[in-house]
Amino acid sequence: MSKKQINKELILFMPSIEGGGVEKNFFLISNFLAKKYKNVSVITISNKYRKKFNNSINFITLNSKYWDSFGRRFKYFLSFYLLIKELIKSRKKIVFAFQANIYCIILCKFFCINIITRSNSAPEGWSRNFIKNSIFKFFLSRADQIIVNSLDFKKNLSKRFFVNPKCIFNPLNSQEIRRLSKSKAKKIFPKKNCLKIINIGRFVDQKDQITLLKSLKELNGKINFHAVLIGRGIYEKKLKNFIEVNGLNKKIHIIDFKENPFPYLKQADIFVLSSKFEGLPNVLLESIVLKKFIISSDCPTGPREILLNGKGGLLFKTGNHKQLSQKIIFYTQNRNKCRKMLNLSFKQLHRFDSKVNLNKYLNVLKPYLFVNK
């Protein structure tokens, strides 16, 4: 007698969609899975991003966009209410969490539901004391599968929490990035001959743009540069105050978050990443696609991996603005050498190919989606 196959509903869980690199991956992965598998749902409170998803996806949210303005923690609470309602309806489900992983693991284990989590940033950012380490060590091992997005991240997580995560690189759609970069956009750099520096990211402690500003203050008067920071966040006022107090208004400008940052990135000479920690920063991959040289903090995790241990771009010690200044000067004095480094990192972009890495996600999910009864 043949066994009956049960096709479970796949629930993708991301309470707060905020428009960064993690979200880009979420859109790509969700829409790919919806093309390969019919029964896909997304649970989020970020109603305004509904149009980013394939029409075949069951979009589970609160009807009003009113909740979009609330903080991430409150969105977590509302999303768990929606998730619990779905799990009560039927147990023929699998949850794939992109946020609030520990809470999701606890909830899914209570309902005897398979749970797969995707960690987006190195544990240096979310496991800073003994109690948190103990909690993560206990609950992460209860997940059916953990996915991370860099090999260093995998080693880091394995060593710290005694788990065996699977590494799947961020799916990079180079063709789409180049297409979007051709959109019309305002010129953000002066026409005069100067070094054009750009940073794109949320204005929060993790991204540490203050280190970049300190570096540029030191370089003011030594080299001719113009810098643009694109983003938004709770540190915006702090960054603007630093620029004002140090008389850098004519040299550094802050521009609000852009849905499509690529026409602006295309105008720059170099991209500087100053983060304290990452996972696998999309913006570095996007910069390489557009042939922009990278100077990055050697933070955990991702930059060293993307930049081939410093052979494909320059790395500086995290938080060290003086070393960053030296790296920027090195670029101005060694442009041909830096161009060769950029070409080397460009040739290695195949590691992050969209089709290859998206199919890896599908392969991880298949054993849980199709079950013989």
Protein backbone atom coordinates (compact mmCIF):
# COMPACT_ATOMS: atom_id res chain seq x y z
CA MET A 1 0.00 0.00 0.00
CA SER A 2 1.47 3.38 -1.07
CA LYS A 3 2.06 6.04 1.51
CA LYS A 4 0.06 9.27 1.37
CA GLN A 5 2.13 12.43 1.00
CA ILE A 6 1.21 15.47 3.08
CA ASN A 7 2.18 18.88 1.71
CA LYS A 8 2.56 21.25 4.65
CA GLU A 9 1.92 24.99 4.61
CA LEU A 10 5.15 27.00 4.69
CA ILE A 11 4.93 30.07 6.94
CA LEU A 12 7.66 32.68 6.48
CA PHE A 13 7.87 34.77 9.64
CA MET A 14 9.27 38.32 9.68
CA PRO A 15 7.37 40.69 11.99
CA SER A 16 9.18 43.93 11.11
CA ILE A 17 10.27 44.64 7.52
CA GLU A 18 12.45 47.75 7.51
CA GLY A 19 13.92 48.00 4.01
CA GLY A 20 17.53 46.87 4.62
CA GLY A 21 19.71 44.04 3.32
CA VAL A 22 17.94 41.35 5.37
CA GLU A 23 14.64 42.45 3.86
CA LYS A 24 15.99 42.24 0.31
CA ASN A 25 16.93 38.64 1.00
CA PHE A 26 13.52 37.99 2.51
CA PHE A 27 11.71 39.24 -0.60
CA LEU A 28 13.92 37.19 -2.92
CA ILE A 29 13.66 33.99 -0.89
CA SER A 30 9.89 34.32 -0.32
CA ASN A 31 9.06 34.93 -3.97
CA PHE A 32 11.36 32.13 -5.16
CA LEU A 33 9.79 29.62 -2.77
CA ALA A 34 6.30 30.73 -3.84
CA LYS A 35 7.18 29.87 -7.45
CA LYS A 36 8.42 26.42 -6.45
CA TYR A 37 5.79 25.58 -3.82
CA LYS A 38 2.09 26.47 -3.86
CA ASN A 39 1.26 26.71 -0.16
CA VAL A 40 3.32 29.68 1.11
CA SER A 41 2.28 32.31 3.66
CA VAL A 42 4.07 35.38 5.06
CA ILE A 43 3.37 36.71 8.55
CA THR A 44 4.42 40.32 9.13
CA ILE A 45 3.07 43.53 10.62
CA SER A 46 4.74 45.61 7.87
CA ASN A 47 1.65 45.94 5.69
CA LYS A 48 3.19 48.55 3.41
CA TYR A 49 5.49 45.99 1.80
CA ARG A 50 2.68 43.74 0.54
CA LYS A 51 3.41 44.66 -3.09
CA LYS A 52 6.93 43.26 -2.79
CA PHE A 53 5.55 39.73 -2.62
CA ASN A 54 4.31 37.33 -5.27
CA ASN A 55 0.48 37.40 -5.61
CA SER A 56 0.33 33.67 -4.88
CA ILE A 57 1.64 34.22 -1.34
CA ASN A 58 -0.95 34.29 1.44
CA PHE A 59 -0.11 37.58 3.16
CA ILE A 60 -1.09 37.40 6.83
CA THR A 61 -1.05 40.77 8.58
CA LEU A 62 -3.23 43.32 10.33
CA ASN A 63 -5.40 45.23 7.88
CA SER A 64 -4.32 48.71 8.93
CA LYS A 65 -0.96 50.33 8.07
CA TYR A 66 -1.28 52.10 11.43
CA TRP A 67 0.87 49.41 13.06
CA ASP A 68 3.80 50.03 10.68
CA SER A 69 4.89 52.99 12.78
CA PHE A 70 5.36 50.92 15.95
CA GLY A 71 8.72 49.56 17.15
CA ARG A 72 10.08 46.13 16.38
CA ARG A 73 9.32 44.61 19.81
CA PHE A 74 5.66 45.57 19.63
CA LYS A 75 5.46 44.13 16.10
CA TYR A 76 6.90 40.88 17.47
CA PHE A 77 4.05 40.68 19.98
CA LEU A 78 1.39 41.28 17.31
CA SER A 79 3.01 38.81 14.90
CA PHE A 80 3.06 36.05 17.51
CA TYR A 81 -0.65 36.59 17.99
CA LEU A 82 -1.12 36.03 14.23
CA LEU A 83 1.21 33.01 14.24
CA ILE A 84 -0.58 31.36 17.18
CA LYS A 85 -3.92 31.79 15.38
CA GLU A 86 -2.48 30.00 12.32
CA LEU A 87 -0.94 27.16 14.34
CA ILE A 88 -4.23 26.58 16.18
CA LYS A 89 -6.06 26.22 12.84
CA SER A 90 -3.84 23.36 11.68
CA ARG A 91 -0.63 21.60 12.66
CA LYS A 92 0.24 20.78 9.03
CA LYS A 93 2.67 23.66 8.89
CA ILE A 94 6.37 24.48 8.96
CA VAL A 95 7.71 27.85 10.17
CA PHE A 96 10.74 29.54 8.63
CA ALA A 97 11.73 32.45 10.93
CA PHE A 98 13.82 35.44 9.83
CA GLN A 99 13.36 37.37 13.11
CA ALA A 100 12.62 36.66 16.78
CA ASN A 101 14.14 33.21 16.36
CA ILE A 102 14.23 32.13 20.00
CA TYR A 103 10.59 33.08 20.57
CA CYS A 104 9.62 31.24 17.39
CA ILE A 105 11.49 28.11 18.48
CA ILE A 106 9.70 28.09 21.87
CA LEU A 107 6.29 28.62 20.27
CA CYS A 108 6.75 26.03 17.53
CA LYS A 109 8.04 23.39 19.92
CA PHE A 110 5.00 23.97 22.13
CA PHE A 111 2.75 23.26 19.12
CA CYS A 112 5.01 20.41 17.86
CA ILE A 113 5.73 22.30 14.63
CA ASN A 114 8.96 22.08 12.62
CA ILE A 115 10.95 25.31 12.90
CA ILE A 116 13.81 26.54 10.69
CA THR A 117 15.58 29.77 11.60
CA ARG A 118 17.80 32.12 9.64
CA SER A 119 20.27 34.20 11.68
CA ASN A 120 21.12 37.47 9.97
CA SER A 121 23.97 38.95 12.01
CA ALA A 122 26.92 37.66 14.02
CA PRO A 123 26.23 36.80 17.70
CA GLU A 124 28.51 39.67 18.79
CA GLY A 125 25.45 41.85 18.21
CA TRP A 126 22.85 39.85 20.13
CA SER A 127 24.63 37.62 22.66
CA ARG A 128 26.73 39.82 24.89
CA ASN A 129 26.48 38.25 28.34
CA PHE A 130 26.43 34.90 30.12
CA ILE A 131 22.65 34.77 30.58
CA LYS A 132 21.92 35.50 26.92
CA ASN A 133 24.57 33.02 25.83
CA SER A 134 22.98 30.32 28.00
CA ILE A 135 19.49 31.04 26.65
CA PHE A 136 20.63 30.95 23.03
CA LYS A 137 22.72 27.82 23.61
CA PHE A 138 19.71 25.99 25.06
CA PHE A 139 17.07 27.03 22.53
CA LEU A 140 19.03 27.20 19.26
CA SER A 141 19.79 23.49 19.57
CA ARG A 142 16.01 22.86 19.58
CA ALA A 143 15.52 24.27 16.06
CA ASP A 144 15.13 21.69 13.30
CA GLN A 145 17.60 23.61 11.16
CA ILE A 146 19.58 26.85 11.48
CA ILE A 147 20.71 28.77 8.42
CA VAL A 148 23.46 31.41 8.41
CA ASN A 149 24.82 33.45 5.50
CA SER A 150 28.61 33.21 5.79
CA LEU A 151 31.20 30.54 6.56
CA ASP A 152 32.77 32.62 9.36
CA PHE A 153 29.28 33.04 10.83
CA LYS A 154 28.82 29.24 10.72
CA LYS A 155 32.12 28.67 12.58
CA ASN A 156 31.27 31.41 15.08
CA LEU A 157 27.83 30.03 15.85
CA SER A 158 29.03 26.43 16.05
CA LYS A 159 31.80 27.30 18.49
CA ARG A 160 29.69 29.51 20.73
CA PHE A 161 26.42 27.53 20.88
CA PHE A 162 27.40 23.96 19.94
CA VAL A 163 25.02 23.81 16.96
CA ASN A 164 25.57 22.77 13.36
CA PRO A 165 24.12 25.52 11.15
CA LYS A 166 23.99 25.35 7.37
CA CYS A 167 25.66 28.17 5.42
CA ILE A 168 23.73 29.57 2.45
CA PHE A 169 25.11 32.78 0.99
CA ASN A 170 22.83 35.74 0.32
CA PRO A 171 21.25 35.32 -3.13
CA LEU A 172 22.76 38.04 -5.33
CA ASN A 173 20.85 39.14 -8.44
CA SER A 174 23.59 41.08 -10.26
CA GLN A 175 21.49 41.67 -13.35
CA GLU A 176 18.71 43.31 -11.33
CA ILE A 177 21.19 45.55 -9.47
CA ARG A 178 22.71 46.78 -12.74
CA ARG A 179 19.23 47.40 -14.16
CA LEU A 180 18.12 49.41 -11.12
CA SER A 181 21.37 51.41 -11.13
CA LYS A 182 20.35 52.90 -14.50
CA SER A 183 17.34 54.68 -12.99
CA LYS A 184 17.42 58.47 -13.01
CA ALA A 185 18.68 60.03 -9.79
CA LYS A 186 19.86 63.39 -8.52
CA LYS A 187 23.60 64.02 -8.60
CA ILE A 188 24.84 63.73 -5.02
CA PHE A 189 28.51 64.62 -5.55
CA PRO A 190 29.97 67.92 -6.79
CA LYS A 191 31.21 68.03 -10.36
CA LYS A 192 34.71 69.10 -9.33
CA ASN A 193 37.49 66.52 -9.20
CA CYS A 194 37.41 64.90 -5.75
CA LEU A 195 37.34 61.50 -4.07
CA LYS A 196 33.69 60.42 -3.85
CA ILE A 197 32.96 58.34 -0.73
CA ILE A 198 29.62 56.71 0.09
CA ASN A 199 28.12 54.81 3.02
CA ILE A 200 24.64 53.23 2.89
CA GLY A 201 22.99 51.76 5.97
CA ARG A 202 20.77 52.32 9.00
CA PHE A 203 21.98 55.03 11.37
CA VAL A 204 22.32 52.79 14.42
CA ASP A 205 25.11 51.74 16.77
CA GLN A 206 25.81 48.56 14.78
CA LYS A 207 26.71 50.47 11.61
CA ASP A 208 29.07 52.83 13.50
CA GLN A 209 29.10 55.66 10.97
CA ILE A 210 30.67 57.86 13.66
CA THR A 211 33.98 56.05 13.03
CA LEU A 212 33.74 57.04 9.36
CA LEU A 213 33.03 60.66 10.30
CA LYS A 214 36.01 60.77 12.68
CA SER A 215 38.19 59.44 9.87
CA LEU A 216 36.93 62.08 7.46
CA LYS A 217 37.53 64.81 10.03
CA GLU A 218 41.16 63.68 10.20
CA LEU A 219 41.42 63.71 6.39
CA ASN A 220 39.89 67.16 6.01
CA GLY A 221 42.54 69.42 4.50
CA LYS A 222 44.80 66.48 3.61
CA ILE A 223 42.88 65.14 0.61
CA ASN A 224 40.06 66.50 -1.55
CA PHE A 225 36.97 64.40 -0.81
CA HIS A 226 33.20 64.53 -0.65
CA ALA A 227 31.21 61.97 1.34
CA VAL A 228 27.53 61.01 1.34
CA LEU A 229 25.76 58.90 3.97
CA ILE A 230 22.41 57.42 2.92
CA GLY A 231 20.01 56.05 5.51
CA ARG A 232 17.84 56.80 8.51
CA GLY A 233 17.77 55.81 12.16
CA ILE A 234 18.06 56.86 15.78
CA TYR A 235 21.68 58.07 15.37
CA GLU A 236 20.90 60.54 12.58
CA LYS A 237 20.87 63.56 14.90
CA LYS A 238 24.16 62.47 16.47
CA LEU A 239 25.81 62.18 13.04
CA LYS A 240 24.47 65.55 11.90
CA ASN A 241 25.72 67.20 15.10
CA PHE A 242 29.21 65.78 14.56
CA ILE A 243 29.27 67.14 11.00
CA GLU A 244 28.04 70.57 12.17
CA VAL A 245 30.38 70.89 15.19
CA ASN A 246 33.45 69.92 13.15
CA GLY A 247 32.69 72.24 10.23
CA LEU A 248 32.26 69.44 7.70
CA ASN A 249 28.94 70.61 6.19
CA LYS A 250 30.49 71.31 2.80
CA LYS A 251 32.31 67.96 2.74
CA ILE A 252 29.75 65.49 4.10
CA HIS A 253 26.04 65.22 3.38
CA ILE A 254 23.34 62.95 4.82
CA ILE A 255 20.56 61.77 2.52
CA ASP A 256 17.39 59.99 3.58
CA PHE A 257 16.88 56.25 2.99
CA LYS A 258 16.34 55.34 -0.68
CA GLU A 259 14.22 52.40 -1.85
CA ASN A 260 16.62 52.14 -4.80
CA PRO A 261 20.11 53.25 -3.66
CA PHE A 262 21.96 51.90 -6.70
CA PRO A 263 21.91 55.06 -8.91
CA TYR A 264 23.56 56.88 -5.98
CA LEU A 265 26.05 54.12 -5.27
CA LYS A 266 26.97 54.19 -8.95
CA GLN A 267 28.18 57.81 -8.60
CA ALA A 268 30.78 57.00 -5.93
CA ASP A 269 34.46 56.00 -6.19
CA ILE A 270 34.60 53.96 -2.98
CA PHE A 271 32.15 52.41 -0.55
CA VAL A 272 33.08 52.44 3.15
CA LEU A 273 31.51 49.98 5.59
CA SER A 274 32.16 50.88 9.23
CA SER A 275 30.00 48.26 11.00
CA LYS A 276 30.77 46.70 14.39
CA PHE A 277 29.20 43.40 13.30
CA GLU A 278 27.33 42.00 10.32
CA GLY A 279 26.24 38.66 8.88
CA LEU A 280 27.05 38.89 5.19
CA PRO A 281 26.53 42.56 4.24
CA ASN A 282 24.55 42.78 1.00
CA VAL A 283 25.76 46.30 0.37
CA LEU A 284 29.35 45.08 -0.14
CA LEU A 285 28.21 42.58 -2.77
CA GLU A 286 26.13 45.27 -4.47
CA SER A 287 29.09 47.65 -4.48
CA ILE A 288 31.28 45.04 -6.17
CA VAL A 289 28.59 44.40 -8.80
CA LEU A 290 28.73 48.13 -9.65
CA LYS A 291 32.55 48.05 -9.65
CA LYS A 292 33.01 50.24 -6.57
CA PHE A 293 36.14 49.74 -4.49
CA ILE A 294 35.49 48.75 -0.87
CA ILE A 295 37.13 49.77 2.39
CA SER A 296 35.50 47.86 5.24
CA SER A 297 35.83 47.23 8.94
CA ASP A 298 37.13 43.74 9.62
CA CYS A 299 34.06 43.02 11.72
CA PRO A 300 32.41 39.69 12.40
CA THR A 301 31.19 38.40 10.00
CA GLY A 302 31.22 38.69 6.22
CA PRO A 303 33.53 41.50 5.02
CA ARG A 304 36.74 39.43 5.23
CA GLU A 305 35.00 36.58 3.42
CA ILE A 306 33.62 38.81 0.65
CA LEU A 307 36.93 40.67 0.23
CA LEU A 308 39.01 37.46 0.07
CA ASN A 309 40.95 38.13 3.28
CA GLY A 310 41.89 41.61 2.09
CA LYS A 311 42.96 40.64 -1.43
CA GLY A 312 39.75 42.02 -2.95
CA GLY A 313 39.45 45.20 -0.89
CA LEU A 314 40.91 46.99 2.13
CA LEU A 315 40.11 46.03 5.73
CA PHE A 316 40.63 48.13 8.86
CA LYS A 317 40.29 47.27 12.54
CA THR A 318 36.71 47.78 13.73
CA GLY A 319 36.27 51.21 15.34
CA ASN A 320 39.78 52.39 14.40
CA HIS A 321 39.20 55.68 12.55
CA LYS A 322 42.92 56.42 12.17
CA GLN A 323 43.48 53.13 10.36
CA LEU A 324 40.47 53.88 8.16
CA SER A 325 42.03 57.25 7.26
CA GLN A 326 45.24 55.47 6.24
CA LYS A 327 43.28 53.05 4.04
CA ILE A 328 41.51 55.92 2.28
CA ILE A 329 44.86 57.65 1.63
CA PHE A 330 46.25 54.33 0.35
CA TYR A 331 43.44 54.20 -2.19
CA THR A 332 44.18 57.72 -3.45
CA GLN A 333 47.87 56.83 -3.92
CA ASN A 334 47.43 53.33 -5.36
CA ARG A 335 44.38 53.42 -7.62
CA ASN A 336 45.74 50.95 -10.16
CA LYS A 337 46.56 48.39 -7.47
CA CYS A 338 43.11 48.89 -5.93
CA ARG A 339 41.47 48.43 -9.34
CA LYS A 340 43.15 45.02 -9.62
CA MET A 341 41.90 44.11 -6.14
CA LEU A 342 38.37 45.10 -7.13
CA ASN A 343 38.56 42.99 -10.29
CA LEU A 344 39.61 40.00 -8.18
CA SER A 345 36.59 40.32 -5.87
CA PHE A 346 34.33 40.86 -8.89
CA LYS A 347 35.47 37.56 -10.42
CA GLN A 348 34.52 35.75 -7.21
CA LEU A 349 30.92 36.99 -7.13
CA HIS A 350 29.75 33.67 -8.59
CA ARG A 351 29.81 32.31 -5.00
CA PHE A 352 26.71 34.39 -4.28
CA ASP A 353 24.77 33.58 -7.47
CA SER A 354 21.04 34.01 -6.88
CA LYS A 355 19.81 30.81 -8.55
CA VAL A 356 22.37 28.57 -6.86
CA ASN A 357 21.71 29.89 -3.35
CA LEU A 358 17.93 30.09 -3.67
CA ASN A 359 17.83 26.44 -4.69
CA LYS A 360 19.82 25.61 -1.55
CA TYR A 361 16.99 27.09 0.52
CA LEU A 362 14.49 24.89 -1.29
CA ASN A 363 16.63 21.82 -0.69
CA VAL A 364 16.76 22.53 3.06
CA LEU A 365 12.97 22.90 3.24
CA LYS A 366 11.94 19.93 1.09
CA PRO A 367 12.28 17.22 3.76
CA TYR A 368 9.89 19.18 6.01
CA LEU A 369 7.40 20.25 3.33
CA PHE A 370 6.74 16.84 1.79
CA VAL A 371 6.05 14.23 4.42
CA ASN A 372 4.87 10.63 3.89
CA LYS A 373 2.10 9.62 6.22
